[in-house]
Amino acid sequence: MKQRSLSNSPIVYYIHKDSDNVDWVCLFHAAFVDHQMFRYQIDYFKKKYNILAIDIIGHGHSTETRKGDSILQMAKWTKEILQKEKIDMIHILGVSLGSVLAQDFANQYPNMVRSLACFGGYDINNFDIEMQKENGKAQMLMMLKAIISIKWFARANKKISAYTEEAQKDFYNLNINFKKKSFMYLAELHKMVNKFQVQQRTYPLLIGCGEHDIPMELKLIEMWKKREPYCRSVIFEEAGHCVNMDVPLAFNHVMEKFWEN
């Protein structure tokens, strides 16, 4: 993967481009880690697809921020990356926090979306206020641990974010590089929620999570599926929140079928 940066922004992204590949895939990672959480997907799909992996603001190498930089600009910055790389349409894949950003991009630039896949997330156009409060309380408790010690935070977070021992180890090793000051960039996420009216999608949608994710996540996926019955949904066995890390082979096969169709 070639590392590149977007001028006039803090965003660092990674490109794998093969002249034999036609379609592009964009990867948005979960909170507190970086694009490397997709290493199994990058290795698997680089023979068939051109790949764009982005480090979200405050994560990975996207930390050289300036006053006024905000996570609310991620959709605009992503569009600028696509224009810079001469990409007209792209498959969008997001996990957890990445699923929120993936949806926000699709809301703002639907004509650039070839397909949308969201895992471990929720429908940002229809998120219940009470669930928002419950989710916010859980996040605050985790932030308190991080303020005391990032290692303590990472040890607790790995058990929430991954199910298998190997995935938990990988998540922890990425999480400990997260900077405390980057929490400030997550504070505005709520401004993406219930901002857009639900429109008929012009692209395929795939949603899902792991069977061992928290009960609220399983409920959110079920509710989303009822609102959009024509989307595809999948619950991965032997997986938790970050399904692509817990069961990479099964995850890759699901994505392969979805993108091919």
C-alpha atoms as a PDB file:
ATOM      1  CA  MET A   1       0.000   0.000   0.000  1.00  0.00           C
ATOM      2  CA  LYS A   2       1.342   3.420  -0.939  1.00  0.00           C
ATOM      3  CA  GLN A   3       0.963   6.095   1.724  1.00  0.00           C
ATOM      4  CA  ARG A   4      -0.353   9.436   0.502  1.00  0.00           C
ATOM      5  CA  SER A   5      -1.721  12.594   2.086  1.00  0.00           C
ATOM      6  CA  LEU A   6      -4.490  15.003   1.178  1.00  0.00           C
ATOM      7  CA  SER A   7      -3.276  18.594   1.010  1.00  0.00           C
ATOM      8  CA  ASN A   8      -4.935  21.183   3.254  1.00  0.00           C
ATOM      9  CA  SER A   9      -6.151  18.435   5.585  1.00  0.00           C
ATOM     10  CA  PRO A  10      -4.710  16.118   8.246  1.00  0.00           C
ATOM     11  CA  ILE A  11      -5.778  13.026   6.303  1.00  0.00           C
ATOM     12  CA  VAL A  12      -3.322  10.284   5.405  1.00  0.00           C
ATOM     13  CA  TYR A  13      -4.564   7.457   3.213  1.00  0.00           C
ATOM     14  CA  TYR A  14      -3.256   4.328   1.530  1.00  0.00           C
ATOM     15  CA  ILE A  15      -3.645   3.142  -2.045  1.00  0.00           C
ATOM     16  CA  HIS A  16      -3.200  -0.187  -3.746  1.00  0.00           C
ATOM     17  CA  LYS A  17      -3.810   0.157  -7.476  1.00  0.00           C
ATOM     18  CA  ASP A  18      -3.466  -2.523 -10.124  1.00  0.00           C
ATOM     19  CA  SER A  19      -3.929  -1.733 -13.795  1.00  0.00           C
ATOM     20  CA  ASP A  20      -5.824  -5.019 -14.212  1.00  0.00           C
ATOM     21  CA  ASN A  21      -8.454  -4.004 -11.615  1.00  0.00           C
ATOM     22  CA  VAL A  22     -11.416  -1.810 -12.488  1.00  0.00           C
ATOM     23  CA  ASP A  23     -13.517  -1.357  -9.337  1.00  0.00           C
ATOM     24  CA  TRP A  24     -12.429   0.512  -6.218  1.00  0.00           C
ATOM     25  CA  VAL A  25     -13.103  -0.281  -2.562  1.00  0.00           C
ATOM     26  CA  CYS A  26     -12.901   2.322   0.240  1.00  0.00           C
ATOM     27  CA  LEU A  27     -12.284   1.141   3.824  1.00  0.00           C
ATOM     28  CA  PHE A  28     -13.291   3.122   6.944  1.00  0.00           C
ATOM     29  CA  HIS A  29     -11.909   1.645  10.175  1.00  0.00           C
ATOM     30  CA  ALA A  30     -13.297   1.493  13.725  1.00  0.00           C
ATOM     31  CA  ALA A  31     -12.542   4.017  16.466  1.00  0.00           C
ATOM     32  CA  PHE A  32      -9.202   3.914  18.344  1.00  0.00           C
ATOM     33  CA  VAL A  33      -7.357   1.869  15.690  1.00  0.00           C
ATOM     34  CA  ASP A  34      -6.421   2.653  12.071  1.00  0.00           C
ATOM     35  CA  HIS A  35      -6.563   1.253   8.533  1.00  0.00           C
ATOM     36  CA  GLN A  36      -4.417  -1.722   9.571  1.00  0.00           C
ATOM     37  CA  MET A  37      -7.493  -3.391  11.089  1.00  0.00           C
ATOM     38  CA  PHE A  38      -8.288  -4.305   7.459  1.00  0.00           C
ATOM     39  CA  ARG A  39      -4.995  -6.087   6.765  1.00  0.00           C
ATOM     40  CA  TYR A  40      -6.729  -9.410   6.026  1.00  0.00           C
ATOM     41  CA  GLN A  41      -9.171  -7.706   3.653  1.00  0.00           C
ATOM     42  CA  ILE A  42      -6.419  -5.773   1.876  1.00  0.00           C
ATOM     43  CA  ASP A  43      -4.336  -8.922   1.340  1.00  0.00           C
ATOM     44  CA  TYR A  44      -7.388 -10.850   0.116  1.00  0.00           C
ATOM     45  CA  PHE A  45      -8.952  -8.308  -2.205  1.00  0.00           C
ATOM     46  CA  LYS A  46      -5.964  -6.497  -3.706  1.00  0.00           C
ATOM     47  CA  LYS A  47      -5.834  -9.002  -6.575  1.00  0.00           C
ATOM     48  CA  LYS A  48      -9.394  -8.148  -7.641  1.00  0.00           C
ATOM     49  CA  TYR A  49      -9.950  -4.563  -6.524  1.00  0.00           C
ATOM     50  CA  ASN A  50      -8.122  -1.287  -6.267  1.00  0.00           C
ATOM     51  CA  ILE A  51      -8.124  -0.355  -2.583  1.00  0.00           C
ATOM     52  CA  LEU A  52      -8.330   2.956  -0.744  1.00  0.00           C
ATOM     53  CA  ALA A  53      -7.865   2.789   3.049  1.00  0.00           C
ATOM     54  CA  ILE A  54      -8.191   5.993   5.047  1.00  0.00           C
ATOM     55  CA  ASP A  55      -6.902   6.853   8.508  1.00  0.00           C
ATOM     56  CA  ILE A  56      -9.776   8.784  10.118  1.00  0.00           C
ATOM     57  CA  ILE A  57      -8.908  12.146  11.672  1.00  0.00           C
ATOM     58  CA  GLY A  58      -7.134  11.663  15.006  1.00  0.00           C
ATOM     59  CA  HIS A  59      -6.221   8.062  14.168  1.00  0.00           C
ATOM     60  CA  GLY A  60      -3.164   6.397  12.666  1.00  0.00           C
ATOM     61  CA  HIS A  61      -1.120   8.992  10.788  1.00  0.00           C
ATOM     62  CA  SER A  62      -4.007  11.466  10.378  1.00  0.00           C
ATOM     63  CA  THR A  63      -3.008  13.448  13.460  1.00  0.00           C
ATOM     64  CA  GLU A  64      -1.337  16.580  12.066  1.00  0.00           C
ATOM     65  CA  THR A  65      -4.483  18.642  12.596  1.00  0.00           C
ATOM     66  CA  ARG A  66      -5.088  22.362  12.440  1.00  0.00           C
ATOM     67  CA  LYS A  67      -7.562  24.572  14.249  1.00  0.00           C
ATOM     68  CA  GLY A  68     -11.047  23.972  12.842  1.00  0.00           C
ATOM     69  CA  ASP A  69     -10.400  20.449  11.534  1.00  0.00           C
ATOM     70  CA  SER A  70     -13.367  18.230  12.342  1.00  0.00           C
ATOM     71  CA  ILE A  71     -14.610  14.703  11.825  1.00  0.00           C
ATOM     72  CA  LEU A  72     -17.606  16.336  10.117  1.00  0.00           C
ATOM     73  CA  GLN A  73     -15.259  17.069   7.198  1.00  0.00           C
ATOM     74  CA  MET A  74     -14.445  13.405   6.572  1.00  0.00           C
ATOM     75  CA  ALA A  75     -17.026  13.048   3.780  1.00  0.00           C
ATOM     76  CA  LYS A  76     -15.706  16.136   2.004  1.00  0.00           C
ATOM     77  CA  TRP A  77     -12.102  15.017   2.406  1.00  0.00           C
ATOM     78  CA  THR A  78     -12.987  11.563   1.099  1.00  0.00           C
ATOM     79  CA  LYS A  79     -14.605  13.106  -1.965  1.00  0.00           C
ATOM     80  CA  GLU A  80     -11.449  15.169  -2.539  1.00  0.00           C
ATOM     81  CA  ILE A  81      -9.328  12.012  -2.318  1.00  0.00           C
ATOM     82  CA  LEU A  82     -11.529  10.307  -4.914  1.00  0.00           C
ATOM     83  CA  GLN A  83     -11.226  13.312  -7.215  1.00  0.00           C
ATOM     84  CA  LYS A  84      -7.457  13.439  -6.717  1.00  0.00           C
ATOM     85  CA  GLU A  85      -7.141   9.730  -7.529  1.00  0.00           C
ATOM     86  CA  LYS A  86      -9.602  10.047 -10.455  1.00  0.00           C
ATOM     87  CA  ILE A  87     -12.147   7.635  -8.934  1.00  0.00           C
ATOM     88  CA  ASP A  88     -15.723   8.196 -10.135  1.00  0.00           C
ATOM     89  CA  MET A  89     -17.560   5.547  -8.068  1.00  0.00           C
ATOM     90  CA  ILE A  90     -16.496   3.302  -5.228  1.00  0.00           C
ATOM     91  CA  HIS A  91     -17.653   0.472  -2.951  1.00  0.00           C
ATOM     92  CA  ILE A  92     -17.786   1.848   0.617  1.00  0.00           C
ATOM     93  CA  LEU A  93     -17.129  -0.419   3.601  1.00  0.00           C
ATOM     94  CA  GLY A  94     -17.210   0.762   7.214  1.00  0.00           C
ATOM     95  CA  VAL A  95     -16.883  -0.986  10.575  1.00  0.00           C
ATOM     96  CA  SER A  96     -18.206   0.572  13.817  1.00  0.00           C
ATOM     97  CA  LEU A  97     -17.202   4.270  13.682  1.00  0.00           C
ATOM     98  CA  GLY A  98     -16.325   3.634  10.055  1.00  0.00           C
ATOM     99  CA  SER A  99     -19.916   2.638   9.323  1.00  0.00           C
ATOM    100  CA  VAL A 100     -21.091   6.056  10.545  1.00  0.00           C
ATOM    101  CA  LEU A 101     -18.617   7.842   8.267  1.00  0.00           C
ATOM    102  CA  ALA A 102     -19.470   5.530   5.371  1.00  0.00           C
ATOM    103  CA  GLN A 103     -23.156   6.418   5.694  1.00  0.00           C
ATOM    104  CA  ASP A 104     -22.414  10.124   6.007  1.00  0.00           C
ATOM    105  CA  PHE A 105     -20.431   9.981   2.763  1.00  0.00           C
ATOM    106  CA  ALA A 106     -23.260   8.074   1.064  1.00  0.00           C
ATOM    107  CA  ASN A 107     -25.782  10.642   2.327  1.00  0.00           C
ATOM    108  CA  GLN A 108     -23.800  13.521   0.889  1.00  0.00           C
ATOM    109  CA  TYR A 109     -22.454  11.961  -2.313  1.00  0.00           C
ATOM    110  CA  PRO A 110     -24.784   9.084  -3.300  1.00  0.00           C
ATOM    111  CA  ASN A 111     -23.806   9.314  -6.961  1.00  0.00           C
ATOM    112  CA  MET A 112     -20.244   8.301  -6.075  1.00  0.00           C
ATOM    113  CA  VAL A 113     -21.342   5.155  -4.192  1.00  0.00           C
ATOM    114  CA  ARG A 114     -21.323   1.822  -6.003  1.00  0.00           C
ATOM    115  CA  SER A 115     -22.391  -0.068  -2.864  1.00  0.00           C
ATOM    116  CA  LEU A 116     -22.489   0.499   0.903  1.00  0.00           C
ATOM    117  CA  ALA A 117     -21.616  -2.049   3.611  1.00  0.00           C
ATOM    118  CA  CYS A 118     -21.878  -1.259   7.334  1.00  0.00           C
ATOM    119  CA  PHE A 119     -20.923  -3.542  10.227  1.00  0.00           C
ATOM    120  CA  GLY A 120     -21.168  -2.973  13.966  1.00  0.00           C
ATOM    121  CA  GLY A 121     -23.025   0.270  13.343  1.00  0.00           C
ATOM    122  CA  TYR A 122     -26.508   1.742  13.220  1.00  0.00           C
ATOM    123  CA  ASP A 123     -28.746   3.624  10.808  1.00  0.00           C
ATOM    124  CA  ILE A 124     -27.607   7.231  11.307  1.00  0.00           C
ATOM    125  CA  ASN A 125     -30.721   8.517   9.548  1.00  0.00           C
ATOM    126  CA  ASN A 126     -32.993   6.781  12.088  1.00  0.00           C
ATOM    127  CA  PHE A 127     -31.257   6.571  15.455  1.00  0.00           C
ATOM    128  CA  ASP A 128     -33.551   6.567  18.484  1.00  0.00           C
ATOM    129  CA  ILE A 129     -32.798   9.330  21.019  1.00  0.00           C
ATOM    130  CA  GLU A 130     -32.946   6.961  24.003  1.00  0.00           C
ATOM    131  CA  MET A 131     -30.480   4.616  22.330  1.00  0.00           C
ATOM    132  CA  GLN A 132     -28.248   7.603  21.626  1.00  0.00           C
ATOM    133  CA  LYS A 133     -28.208   8.408  25.343  1.00  0.00           C
ATOM    134  CA  GLU A 134     -27.457   4.807  26.307  1.00  0.00           C
ATOM    135  CA  ASN A 135     -24.656   4.643  23.766  1.00  0.00           C
ATOM    136  CA  GLY A 136     -23.271   7.970  24.975  1.00  0.00           C
ATOM    137  CA  LYS A 137     -23.114   6.800  28.603  1.00  0.00           C
ATOM    138  CA  ALA A 138     -21.155   3.689  27.645  1.00  0.00           C
ATOM    139  CA  GLN A 139     -18.700   5.796  25.643  1.00  0.00           C
ATOM    140  CA  MET A 140     -18.171   8.197  28.552  1.00  0.00           C
ATOM    141  CA  LEU A 141     -17.240   5.321  30.870  1.00  0.00           C
ATOM    142  CA  MET A 142     -14.676   4.084  28.372  1.00  0.00           C
ATOM    143  CA  MET A 143     -13.252   7.588  27.962  1.00  0.00           C
ATOM    144  CA  LEU A 144     -12.683   7.860  31.708  1.00  0.00           C
ATOM    145  CA  LYS A 145     -10.491   4.764  31.558  1.00  0.00           C
ATOM    146  CA  ALA A 146      -8.537   6.256  28.662  1.00  0.00           C
ATOM    147  CA  ILE A 147      -7.911   9.501  30.563  1.00  0.00           C
ATOM    148  CA  ILE A 148      -6.296   7.480  33.348  1.00  0.00           C
ATOM    149  CA  SER A 149      -4.356   5.084  31.106  1.00  0.00           C
ATOM    150  CA  ILE A 150      -4.499   4.264  27.398  1.00  0.00           C
ATOM    151  CA  LYS A 151      -3.206   0.762  28.174  1.00  0.00           C
ATOM    152  CA  TRP A 152      -6.014   0.217  30.686  1.00  0.00           C
ATOM    153  CA  PHE A 153      -8.482   1.575  28.148  1.00  0.00           C
ATOM    154  CA  ALA A 154      -7.080  -0.681  25.402  1.00  0.00           C
ATOM    155  CA  ARG A 155      -7.260  -3.773  27.630  1.00  0.00           C
ATOM    156  CA  ALA A 156     -10.944  -3.108  28.340  1.00  0.00           C
ATOM    157  CA  ASN A 157     -11.715  -2.015  24.792  1.00  0.00           C
ATOM    158  CA  LYS A 158     -10.282  -5.115  23.118  1.00  0.00           C
ATOM    159  CA  LYS A 159     -12.872  -7.305  24.886  1.00  0.00           C
ATOM    160  CA  ILE A 160     -15.706  -5.090  23.677  1.00  0.00           C
ATOM    161  CA  SER A 161     -14.358  -4.724  20.161  1.00  0.00           C
ATOM    162  CA  ALA A 162     -13.296  -8.278  19.350  1.00  0.00           C
ATOM    163  CA  TYR A 163     -14.305 -11.814  20.332  1.00  0.00           C
ATOM    164  CA  THR A 164     -11.448 -14.130  19.363  1.00  0.00           C
ATOM    165  CA  GLU A 165      -8.159 -14.075  21.238  1.00  0.00           C
ATOM    166  CA  GLU A 166      -6.163 -13.283  18.100  1.00  0.00           C
ATOM    167  CA  ALA A 167      -8.433 -10.394  17.102  1.00  0.00           C
ATOM    168  CA  GLN A 168      -8.338  -8.992  20.636  1.00  0.00           C
ATOM    169  CA  LYS A 169      -4.540  -9.034  20.549  1.00  0.00           C
ATOM    170  CA  ASP A 170      -4.473  -7.281  17.167  1.00  0.00           C
ATOM    171  CA  PHE A 171      -7.007  -4.680  18.299  1.00  0.00           C
ATOM    172  CA  TYR A 172      -5.048  -3.979  21.494  1.00  0.00           C
ATOM    173  CA  ASN A 173      -1.779  -3.478  19.600  1.00  0.00           C
ATOM    174  CA  LEU A 174      -3.448  -0.886  17.381  1.00  0.00           C
ATOM    175  CA  ASN A 175      -5.441   0.745  20.192  1.00  0.00           C
ATOM    176  CA  ILE A 176      -2.433   1.564  22.387  1.00  0.00           C
ATOM    177  CA  ASN A 177      -1.207   3.983  19.693  1.00  0.00           C
ATOM    178  CA  PHE A 178      -4.369   6.096  19.996  1.00  0.00           C
ATOM    179  CA  LYS A 179      -3.699   9.557  21.460  1.00  0.00           C
ATOM    180  CA  LYS A 180      -5.852  10.887  24.297  1.00  0.00           C
ATOM    181  CA  LYS A 181      -6.224  14.270  22.606  1.00  0.00           C
ATOM    182  CA  SER A 182      -7.931  12.588  19.648  1.00  0.00           C
ATOM    183  CA  PHE A 183     -11.069  11.979  21.702  1.00  0.00           C
ATOM    184  CA  MET A 184     -12.022  15.563  20.919  1.00  0.00           C
ATOM    185  CA  TYR A 185     -12.594  14.634  17.267  1.00  0.00           C
ATOM    186  CA  LEU A 186     -15.244  12.075  18.228  1.00  0.00           C
ATOM    187  CA  ALA A 187     -17.325  14.623  20.144  1.00  0.00           C
ATOM    188  CA  GLU A 188     -19.122  15.886  17.033  1.00  0.00           C
ATOM    189  CA  LEU A 189     -20.271  12.508  15.733  1.00  0.00           C
ATOM    190  CA  HIS A 190     -23.799  13.137  17.008  1.00  0.00           C
ATOM    191  CA  LYS A 191     -24.111  15.929  14.441  1.00  0.00           C
ATOM    192  CA  MET A 192     -24.168  13.293  11.681  1.00  0.00           C
ATOM    193  CA  VAL A 193     -27.150  11.518  13.254  1.00  0.00           C
ATOM    194  CA  ASN A 194     -30.718  12.096  12.009  1.00  0.00           C
ATOM    195  CA  LYS A 195     -29.431  14.888   9.788  1.00  0.00           C
ATOM    196  CA  PHE A 196     -30.655  13.582   6.424  1.00  0.00           C
ATOM    197  CA  GLN A 197     -34.107  12.472   5.328  1.00  0.00           C
ATOM    198  CA  VAL A 198     -34.234   8.833   4.306  1.00  0.00           C
ATOM    199  CA  GLN A 199     -34.098   8.535   0.531  1.00  0.00           C
ATOM    200  CA  GLN A 200     -34.517   5.541  -1.734  1.00  0.00           C
ATOM    201  CA  ARG A 201     -31.032   4.194  -2.211  1.00  0.00           C
ATOM    202  CA  THR A 202     -29.606   3.975  -5.715  1.00  0.00           C
ATOM    203  CA  TYR A 203     -26.997   1.430  -4.614  1.00  0.00           C
ATOM    204  CA  PRO A 204     -27.010  -1.939  -2.763  1.00  0.00           C
ATOM    205  CA  LEU A 205     -26.794  -1.941   1.046  1.00  0.00           C
ATOM    206  CA  LEU A 206     -25.328  -4.655   3.293  1.00  0.00           C
ATOM    207  CA  ILE A 207     -25.528  -4.459   7.099  1.00  0.00           C
ATOM    208  CA  GLY A 208     -24.507  -6.793   9.907  1.00  0.00           C
ATOM    209  CA  CYS A 209     -22.624  -7.569  13.097  1.00  0.00           C
ATOM    210  CA  GLY A 210     -21.281 -10.502  15.100  1.00  0.00           C
ATOM    211  CA  GLU A 211     -23.467 -12.815  17.153  1.00  0.00           C
ATOM    212  CA  HIS A 212     -21.403 -11.943  20.245  1.00  0.00           C
ATOM    213  CA  ASP A 213     -21.729  -8.162  19.814  1.00  0.00           C
ATOM    214  CA  ILE A 214     -23.648  -6.294  22.531  1.00  0.00           C
ATOM    215  CA  PRO A 215     -27.447  -6.918  22.561  1.00  0.00           C
ATOM    216  CA  MET A 216     -28.166  -3.316  21.561  1.00  0.00           C
ATOM    217  CA  GLU A 217     -26.159  -3.751  18.349  1.00  0.00           C
ATOM    218  CA  LEU A 218     -28.087  -6.878  17.383  1.00  0.00           C
ATOM    219  CA  LYS A 219     -31.334  -4.976  18.011  1.00  0.00           C
ATOM    220  CA  LEU A 220     -30.138  -2.031  15.924  1.00  0.00           C
ATOM    221  CA  ILE A 221     -29.376  -4.288  12.956  1.00  0.00           C
ATOM    222  CA  GLU A 222     -32.797  -5.920  13.265  1.00  0.00           C
ATOM    223  CA  MET A 223     -34.523  -2.516  13.332  1.00  0.00           C
ATOM    224  CA  TRP A 224     -32.503  -1.277  10.358  1.00  0.00           C
ATOM    225  CA  LYS A 225     -33.410  -4.366   8.349  1.00  0.00           C
ATOM    226  CA  LYS A 226     -37.118  -3.768   9.015  1.00  0.00           C
ATOM    227  CA  ARG A 227     -36.837  -0.183   7.775  1.00  0.00           C
ATOM    228  CA  GLU A 228     -34.962  -1.240   4.641  1.00  0.00           C
ATOM    229  CA  PRO A 229     -36.203  -4.779   3.879  1.00  0.00           C
ATOM    230  CA  TYR A 230     -34.449  -4.895   0.501  1.00  0.00           C
ATOM    231  CA  CYS A 231     -30.999  -4.549   2.029  1.00  0.00           C
ATOM    232  CA  ARG A 232     -28.918  -7.617   2.829  1.00  0.00           C
ATOM    233  CA  SER A 233     -28.138  -8.417   6.466  1.00  0.00           C
ATOM    234  CA  VAL A 234     -25.779 -10.938   8.016  1.00  0.00           C
ATOM    235  CA  ILE A 235     -24.960 -12.016  11.570  1.00  0.00           C
ATOM    236  CA  PHE A 236     -21.516 -13.613  11.758  1.00  0.00           C
ATOM    237  CA  GLU A 237     -21.041 -16.642  13.997  1.00  0.00           C
ATOM    238  CA  GLU A 238     -18.095 -16.703  16.406  1.00  0.00           C
ATOM    239  CA  ALA A 239     -17.625 -12.945  16.004  1.00  0.00           C
ATOM    240  CA  GLY A 240     -18.059  -9.840  18.122  1.00  0.00           C
ATOM    241  CA  HIS A 241     -18.044  -6.162  17.169  1.00  0.00           C
ATOM    242  CA  CYS A 242     -15.227  -5.969  14.619  1.00  0.00           C
ATOM    243  CA  VAL A 243     -16.327  -8.917  12.526  1.00  0.00           C
ATOM    244  CA  ASN A 244     -13.675  -8.416   9.854  1.00  0.00           C
ATOM    245  CA  MET A 245     -10.986  -9.085  12.492  1.00  0.00           C
ATOM    246  CA  ASP A 246     -12.741 -11.947  14.299  1.00  0.00           C
ATOM    247  CA  VAL A 247     -13.693 -14.038  11.265  1.00  0.00           C
ATOM    248  CA  PRO A 248     -11.760 -12.560   8.332  1.00  0.00           C
ATOM    249  CA  LEU A 249     -12.260 -15.494   5.966  1.00  0.00           C
ATOM    250  CA  ALA A 250     -16.034 -15.644   6.425  1.00  0.00           C
ATOM    251  CA  PHE A 251     -16.189 -11.851   6.240  1.00  0.00           C
ATOM    252  CA  ASN A 252     -14.171 -11.762   3.023  1.00  0.00           C
ATOM    253  CA  HIS A 253     -16.432 -14.353   1.388  1.00  0.00           C
ATOM    254  CA  VAL A 254     -19.548 -12.333   2.281  1.00  0.00           C
ATOM    255  CA  MET A 255     -18.024  -9.141   0.876  1.00  0.00           C
ATOM    256  CA  GLU A 256     -16.835 -10.950  -2.244  1.00  0.00           C
ATOM    257  CA  LYS A 257     -20.364 -12.170  -3.048  1.00  0.00           C
ATOM    258  CA  PHE A 258     -21.865  -8.769  -2.265  1.00  0.00           C
ATOM    259  CA  TRP A 259     -19.475  -6.846  -4.489  1.00  0.00           C
ATOM    260  CA  GLU A 260     -19.651  -9.350  -7.324  1.00  0.00           C
ATOM    261  CA  ASN A 261     -23.436  -9.139  -7.375  1.00  0.00           C
END
